[in-house]
Amino acid sequence: MALDGKLLAQARKKLEDIRRHNEDTQSARQREIYARLPAVRNIDLRLQNQMRELAAIALRRDGQAKADLKALEEENLALQARRAELLVEAGYAPDYTGDLYNCPDCQDKGYRMDGSMCACLKRLYNAEVTRDLSGLLKGDEHFNRFRLDYYSSQPDNNGDVPRECMEIILTLCKNYAAKFGPNSSNLVFTGGPGLGKTFLSACIARAVSEKGYSVAYESAPTALGAFEKEKFSRDPDEAAAASAKVRRYLDCDLLILDDLGTEMNTSFTQSALYTIINQRLIDGRQTIISTNLDEHALQGQYSAQITSRLLGEYRWLRFIGSDIRQLKK
């Protein structure tokens, strides 16, 4: 997957801030120890002098060099042991003034020794992608805030008990978010307005993004509008920005399209929707779609190519009950 240079720069800046914070913390700890334990400072000065002595010995070719090197190594080990003892005796961890890293794999540099991107930088990059593409997230989307008491415990006309059905869906959504990965299903949330489709999809988006995956959580009109701007905008900057978003919609680990069916139904939006659904299926990337349309209405609004994939490649979860927005009023 090609990375967006702007978002990668933002991720690297955040990693640099982490590294600088750790360096400042380490320096503060060192000043604290030197003020409280002058003997540790003296040991550190001697250890620094040893490095210069080691370099000088390495350049020598006389018969005494080997013995001097051994003596220096023994002194070094003894000094390090004494230094650790002084720290422990004062109530500190033996490595209290050592180097601090959030990521031991790359030491907060973002790249491993072989030049490959470290997982820590990839997580920060994915977080930038999610922030850039998830304009619908508000900050309060958590599964424990989903209220089952808004759903009736009495059977509806079809004999289904809304609260029982929604409890099953809530559990499925929690498990989906907890176990999300390359083998996860594609989902369609279907049902009338105000039944919790948007909220639960947002809960999944937040939980999955917090695990380090890149997530796009956007309304269908906005996402499909980016395709339109990419193709038709006369403003080069607007077209370039839209193109970058389109690329990320196709490449992110999880795409959540909210309110499918509310977009303008044109041949272009149908083509763009097909591109999203089909390309992500080919690439093995997961998609969740929420819609007020049932299977019959979906077939009446979209092409056979789109409905075939949605009905055949997606798991459908049917939300039932009464409009919660109306109940809250």
Protein backbone atom coordinates (compact mmCIF):
# COMPACT_ATOMS: atom_id res chain seq x y z
CA MET A 1 0.00 0.00 0.00
CA ALA A 2 1.37 3.42 -0.98
CA LEU A 3 1.62 5.70 2.03
CA ASP A 4 0.40 9.29 2.04
CA GLY A 5 3.45 11.51 2.47
CA LYS A 6 1.62 14.21 4.41
CA LEU A 7 0.09 11.79 6.90
CA LEU A 8 3.37 9.89 7.23
CA ALA A 9 5.15 13.16 8.07
CA GLN A 10 2.54 13.84 10.76
CA ALA A 11 3.05 10.35 12.20
CA ARG A 12 6.83 10.78 12.20
CA LYS A 13 6.44 14.14 13.95
CA LYS A 14 4.42 12.47 16.71
CA LEU A 15 7.06 9.75 17.07
CA GLU A 16 9.75 12.43 17.28
CA ASP A 17 7.74 14.15 20.04
CA ILE A 18 7.63 10.83 21.91
CA ARG A 19 11.38 10.39 21.54
CA ARG A 20 12.08 13.96 22.67
CA HIS A 21 9.83 13.51 25.71
CA ASN A 22 11.68 10.33 26.67
CA GLU A 23 15.04 12.06 26.26
CA ASP A 24 13.89 14.95 28.46
CA THR A 25 12.67 12.49 31.10
CA GLN A 26 15.98 10.63 31.01
CA SER A 27 17.93 13.89 31.40
CA ALA A 28 15.75 14.94 34.34
CA ARG A 29 16.33 11.59 36.02
CA GLN A 30 20.07 11.89 35.53
CA ARG A 31 20.12 15.37 37.09
CA GLU A 32 18.07 14.05 40.00
CA ILE A 33 20.48 11.18 40.64
CA TYR A 34 23.61 13.32 40.29
CA ALA A 35 22.21 15.79 42.83
CA ARG A 36 21.27 13.08 45.31
CA LEU A 37 24.07 10.58 44.67
CA PRO A 38 27.32 12.34 43.69
CA ALA A 39 29.09 8.96 43.72
CA VAL A 40 27.05 7.92 40.70
CA ARG A 41 28.19 11.03 38.84
CA ASN A 42 31.80 10.19 39.63
CA ILE A 43 31.31 6.65 38.34
CA ASP A 44 29.77 7.97 35.11
CA LEU A 45 32.73 10.31 34.59
CA ARG A 46 35.11 7.40 35.09
CA LEU A 47 33.12 5.27 32.63
CA GLN A 48 33.35 8.06 30.05
CA ASN A 49 37.13 8.29 30.58
CA GLN A 50 37.36 4.53 30.11
CA MET A 51 35.98 4.88 26.58
CA ARG A 52 38.86 7.18 25.67
CA GLU A 53 41.35 4.82 27.31
CA LEU A 54 39.86 1.90 25.39
CA ALA A 55 40.37 3.73 22.10
CA ALA A 56 43.98 4.46 23.00
CA ILE A 57 44.70 0.85 23.98
CA ALA A 58 43.17 -0.40 20.71
CA LEU A 59 45.79 1.60 18.79
CA ARG A 60 48.70 0.15 20.71
CA ARG A 61 50.71 -2.78 19.45
CA ASP A 62 52.87 -3.49 22.53
CA GLY A 63 52.71 -6.62 24.65
CA GLN A 64 51.08 -4.82 27.57
CA ALA A 65 47.98 -3.78 25.59
CA LYS A 66 46.14 -7.07 26.12
CA ALA A 67 46.66 -6.99 29.90
CA ASP A 68 45.61 -3.33 30.11
CA LEU A 69 42.48 -4.10 28.11
CA LYS A 70 41.53 -6.93 30.49
CA ALA A 71 42.08 -4.70 33.51
CA LEU A 72 39.95 -1.99 31.98
CA GLU A 73 37.12 -4.45 31.29
CA GLU A 74 37.22 -5.72 34.88
CA GLU A 75 37.14 -2.18 36.24
CA ASN A 76 34.23 -1.34 33.94
CA LEU A 77 32.16 -4.28 35.17
CA ALA A 78 32.92 -3.44 38.79
CA LEU A 79 31.94 0.21 38.30
CA GLN A 80 28.65 -0.73 36.64
CA ALA A 81 27.84 -3.15 39.45
CA ARG A 82 28.64 -0.51 42.08
CA ARG A 83 26.54 2.05 40.22
CA ALA A 84 23.52 -0.31 40.25
CA GLU A 85 24.06 -0.99 43.96
CA LEU A 86 24.04 2.73 44.78
CA LEU A 87 20.78 3.24 42.90
CA VAL A 88 19.05 0.27 44.51
CA GLU A 89 20.24 1.30 47.99
CA ALA A 90 18.68 4.74 47.38
CA GLY A 91 15.37 3.17 46.36
CA TYR A 92 15.71 3.39 42.58
CA ALA A 93 15.62 0.76 39.88
CA PRO A 94 19.16 -0.15 38.70
CA ASP A 95 18.34 1.14 35.20
CA TYR A 96 16.58 4.31 36.41
CA THR A 97 18.83 6.61 34.38
CA GLY A 98 19.08 4.33 31.37
CA ASP A 99 17.77 5.10 27.89
CA LEU A 100 13.96 5.35 27.67
CA TYR A 101 12.09 4.01 24.64
CA ASN A 102 8.41 3.45 23.99
CA CYS A 103 9.38 0.95 21.31
CA PRO A 104 12.37 -1.31 21.98
CA ASP A 105 12.29 -2.63 18.40
CA CYS A 106 13.37 0.65 16.79
CA GLN A 107 14.21 2.80 19.84
CA ASP A 108 11.51 5.26 18.75
CA LYS A 109 13.19 5.94 15.40
CA GLY A 110 10.32 4.46 13.36
CA TYR A 111 12.48 2.14 11.30
CA ARG A 112 14.30 -1.08 12.15
CA MET A 113 17.95 -1.83 11.44
CA ASP A 114 17.02 -3.45 8.12
CA GLY A 115 15.31 -0.23 6.99
CA SER A 116 11.74 -1.55 7.26
CA MET A 117 9.03 0.54 8.91
CA CYS A 118 8.48 -0.38 12.54
CA ALA A 119 5.04 -1.35 13.79
CA CYS A 120 5.01 1.67 16.14
CA LEU A 121 5.26 4.13 13.24
CA LYS A 122 2.69 2.14 11.27
CA ARG A 123 0.25 2.44 14.20
CA LEU A 124 0.79 6.20 14.35
CA TYR A 125 0.32 6.45 10.58
CA ASN A 126 -2.90 4.44 10.75
CA ALA A 127 -4.12 6.74 13.51
CA GLU A 128 -3.50 9.72 11.22
CA VAL A 129 -5.41 8.00 8.41
CA THR A 130 -8.31 7.32 10.77
CA ARG A 131 -8.35 10.89 12.05
CA ASP A 132 -8.28 12.23 8.50
CA LEU A 133 -11.01 9.94 7.17
CA SER A 134 -13.36 9.55 10.11
CA GLY A 135 -15.21 12.81 10.30
CA LEU A 136 -18.25 11.18 11.93
CA LEU A 137 -16.46 10.07 15.10
CA LYS A 138 -17.39 12.34 18.01
CA GLY A 139 -15.54 10.80 20.95
CA ASP A 140 -18.32 9.08 22.89
CA GLU A 141 -18.74 5.95 20.77
CA HIS A 142 -18.21 3.08 23.22
CA PHE A 143 -20.08 -0.20 23.45
CA ASN A 144 -20.88 0.29 27.15
CA ARG A 145 -22.98 3.33 26.22
CA PHE A 146 -25.32 1.30 23.99
CA ARG A 147 -28.70 1.19 25.80
CA LEU A 148 -30.61 -2.07 25.39
CA ASP A 149 -33.44 -0.74 27.56
CA TYR A 150 -34.59 1.38 24.60
CA TYR A 151 -35.64 -1.84 22.84
CA SER A 152 -38.91 -3.53 23.68
CA SER A 153 -38.93 -6.86 25.47
CA GLN A 154 -42.27 -7.69 23.82
CA PRO A 155 -42.48 -9.63 20.51
CA ASP A 156 -43.14 -7.57 17.41
CA ASN A 157 -45.54 -8.51 14.60
CA ASN A 158 -43.04 -11.05 13.28
CA GLY A 159 -42.62 -12.69 16.67
CA ASP A 160 -39.14 -11.26 17.19
CA VAL A 161 -38.21 -9.66 20.52
CA PRO A 162 -36.27 -6.46 19.73
CA ARG A 163 -34.25 -6.42 22.95
CA GLU A 164 -33.14 -10.03 22.50
CA CYS A 165 -32.22 -9.45 18.85
CA MET A 166 -30.28 -6.30 19.64
CA GLU A 167 -28.46 -7.98 22.52
CA ILE A 168 -27.22 -10.58 20.03
CA ILE A 169 -26.16 -7.86 17.57
CA LEU A 170 -24.36 -5.94 20.33
CA THR A 171 -22.42 -9.09 21.27
CA LEU A 172 -21.57 -9.76 17.63
CA CYS A 173 -20.29 -6.20 17.19
CA LYS A 174 -18.16 -6.39 20.32
CA ASN A 175 -16.63 -9.66 19.17
CA TYR A 176 -16.08 -8.29 15.68
CA ALA A 177 -14.14 -5.32 17.03
CA ALA A 178 -12.18 -7.42 19.53
CA LYS A 179 -11.14 -10.02 16.95
CA PHE A 180 -10.84 -7.76 13.92
CA GLY A 181 -8.24 -8.86 11.41
CA PRO A 182 -7.64 -9.81 7.77
CA ASN A 183 -10.10 -12.71 8.01
CA SER A 184 -12.98 -10.70 9.48
CA SER A 185 -16.32 -10.61 7.66
CA ASN A 186 -17.83 -7.78 5.68
CA LEU A 187 -21.05 -6.56 7.29
CA VAL A 188 -24.28 -4.81 6.33
CA PHE A 189 -26.29 -3.15 9.11
CA THR A 190 -29.86 -2.80 7.89
CA GLY A 191 -32.99 -1.48 9.55
CA GLY A 192 -35.10 1.63 10.00
CA PRO A 193 -33.75 4.98 11.19
CA GLY A 194 -32.84 5.51 14.83
CA LEU A 195 -32.10 1.86 15.70
CA GLY A 196 -28.41 2.22 16.56
CA LYS A 197 -26.73 1.29 13.28
CA THR A 198 -24.61 4.42 13.14
CA PHE A 199 -23.68 4.26 16.81
CA LEU A 200 -22.60 0.61 16.78
CA SER A 201 -20.63 1.04 13.56
CA ALA A 202 -18.89 4.02 15.18
CA CYS A 203 -18.12 1.88 18.25
CA ILE A 204 -16.49 -0.66 15.97
CA ALA A 205 -14.56 2.08 14.18
CA ARG A 206 -13.19 3.46 17.45
CA ALA A 207 -12.31 0.06 18.92
CA VAL A 208 -10.60 -1.17 15.75
CA SER A 209 -8.64 2.06 15.28
CA GLU A 210 -7.44 1.87 18.88
CA LYS A 211 -5.90 -1.52 18.03
CA GLY A 212 -3.69 0.18 15.43
CA TYR A 213 -5.70 -0.47 12.26
CA SER A 214 -6.47 2.29 9.78
CA VAL A 215 -10.20 3.02 9.68
CA ALA A 216 -12.33 5.24 7.47
CA TYR A 217 -15.73 5.99 9.00
CA GLU A 218 -17.67 8.26 6.70
CA SER A 219 -21.15 8.83 5.32
CA ALA A 220 -21.78 7.33 1.90
CA PRO A 221 -22.57 10.75 0.33
CA THR A 222 -19.27 12.20 1.57
CA ALA A 223 -17.17 9.21 0.54
CA LEU A 224 -18.74 8.95 -2.90
CA GLY A 225 -18.48 12.72 -3.25
CA ALA A 226 -14.70 12.40 -3.00
CA PHE A 227 -14.74 10.21 -6.12
CA GLU A 228 -16.76 12.88 -7.91
CA LYS A 229 -14.37 15.69 -6.90
CA GLU A 230 -11.39 13.60 -7.96
CA LYS A 231 -12.82 13.22 -11.45
CA PHE A 232 -14.64 16.50 -12.09
CA SER A 233 -13.14 19.24 -9.90
CA ARG A 234 -11.45 22.05 -11.83
CA ASP A 235 -9.47 23.05 -8.74
CA PRO A 236 -6.16 21.09 -8.87
CA ASP A 237 -5.70 21.23 -5.11
CA GLU A 238 -9.24 20.03 -4.44
CA ALA A 239 -8.85 17.24 -6.97
CA ALA A 240 -5.53 16.16 -5.48
CA ALA A 241 -6.97 16.13 -1.95
CA ALA A 242 -9.97 14.12 -3.14
CA SER A 243 -7.69 11.68 -4.96
CA ALA A 244 -5.69 11.10 -1.77
CA LYS A 245 -8.91 10.40 0.13
CA VAL A 246 -10.15 8.01 -2.52
CA ARG A 247 -6.87 6.11 -2.34
CA ARG A 248 -7.17 5.84 1.43
CA TYR A 249 -10.83 4.79 1.24
CA LEU A 250 -9.71 1.90 -0.93
CA ASP A 251 -6.59 1.04 1.06
CA CYS A 252 -7.60 1.41 4.72
CA ASP A 253 -7.93 -1.72 6.84
CA LEU A 254 -11.60 -1.09 7.64
CA LEU A 255 -14.00 1.12 5.72
CA ILE A 256 -17.36 1.97 7.28
CA LEU A 257 -19.90 3.55 4.94
CA ASP A 258 -22.78 5.04 6.90
CA ASP A 259 -26.24 5.80 5.51
CA LEU A 260 -25.90 4.07 2.16
CA GLY A 261 -28.93 5.00 0.09
CA THR A 262 -28.99 8.67 1.08
CA GLU A 263 -26.52 9.70 -1.64
CA MET A 264 -27.60 11.09 -5.02
CA ASN A 265 -28.32 8.03 -7.13
CA THR A 266 -26.52 8.66 -10.41
CA SER A 267 -24.60 6.48 -12.82
CA PHE A 268 -21.39 7.98 -11.45
CA THR A 269 -22.17 7.27 -7.79
CA GLN A 270 -23.15 3.72 -8.74
CA SER A 271 -19.82 3.32 -10.51
CA ALA A 272 -17.92 4.76 -7.54
CA LEU A 273 -19.78 2.50 -5.10
CA TYR A 274 -19.03 -0.52 -7.24
CA THR A 275 -15.34 0.44 -7.29
CA ILE A 276 -15.27 0.64 -3.49
CA ILE A 277 -17.07 -2.64 -2.91
CA ASN A 278 -15.40 -4.66 -5.63
CA GLN A 279 -11.83 -3.39 -5.15
CA ARG A 280 -11.90 -3.92 -1.41
CA LEU A 281 -13.24 -7.46 -1.90
CA ILE A 282 -10.43 -8.18 -4.37
CA ASP A 283 -7.83 -6.78 -1.96
CA GLY A 284 -9.28 -8.66 1.02
CA ARG A 285 -10.04 -5.47 2.99
CA GLN A 286 -13.02 -5.32 5.32
CA THR A 287 -16.05 -3.07 4.84
CA ILE A 288 -19.11 -2.34 6.97
CA ILE A 289 -22.14 -0.67 5.39
CA SER A 290 -25.13 0.70 7.26
CA THR A 291 -28.36 1.42 5.42
CA ASN A 292 -32.07 1.92 5.94
CA LEU A 293 -32.68 -0.20 2.85
CA ASP A 294 -33.65 -3.85 3.07
CA GLU A 295 -32.57 -6.44 0.48
CA HIS A 296 -35.57 -5.76 -1.78
CA ALA A 297 -35.10 -1.98 -1.74
CA LEU A 298 -31.39 -2.40 -2.29
CA GLN A 299 -32.01 -4.42 -5.45
CA GLY A 300 -34.36 -1.74 -6.68
CA GLN A 301 -31.84 1.07 -6.21
CA TYR A 302 -28.50 -0.41 -7.21
CA SER A 303 -27.08 -2.37 -10.13
CA ALA A 304 -27.00 -6.15 -10.22
CA GLN A 305 -23.20 -6.08 -9.86
CA ILE A 306 -23.44 -4.14 -6.59
CA THR A 307 -26.35 -6.06 -5.07
CA SER A 308 -24.81 -9.41 -6.02
CA ARG A 309 -21.71 -8.60 -4.00
CA LEU A 310 -23.58 -7.11 -1.07
CA LEU A 311 -25.97 -10.06 -0.83
CA GLY A 312 -23.35 -12.72 -1.50
CA GLU A 313 -20.18 -11.45 0.18
CA TYR A 314 -21.54 -9.59 3.22
CA ARG A 315 -23.08 -10.78 6.47
CA TRP A 316 -26.36 -8.97 7.12
CA LEU A 317 -27.39 -7.85 10.61
CA ARG A 318 -31.01 -6.67 10.87
CA PHE A 319 -31.73 -4.00 13.48
CA ILE A 320 -35.30 -3.94 14.79
CA GLY A 321 -37.25 -1.90 17.31
CA SER A 322 -38.62 1.62 17.62
CA ASP A 323 -36.82 4.81 16.62
CA ILE A 324 -34.62 5.65 19.63
CA ARG A 325 -34.43 9.30 18.63
CA GLN A 326 -38.19 9.55 18.97
CA LEU A 327 -38.15 7.65 22.27
CA LYS A 328 -35.57 10.06 23.70
CA LYS A 329 -37.90 12.95 22.91
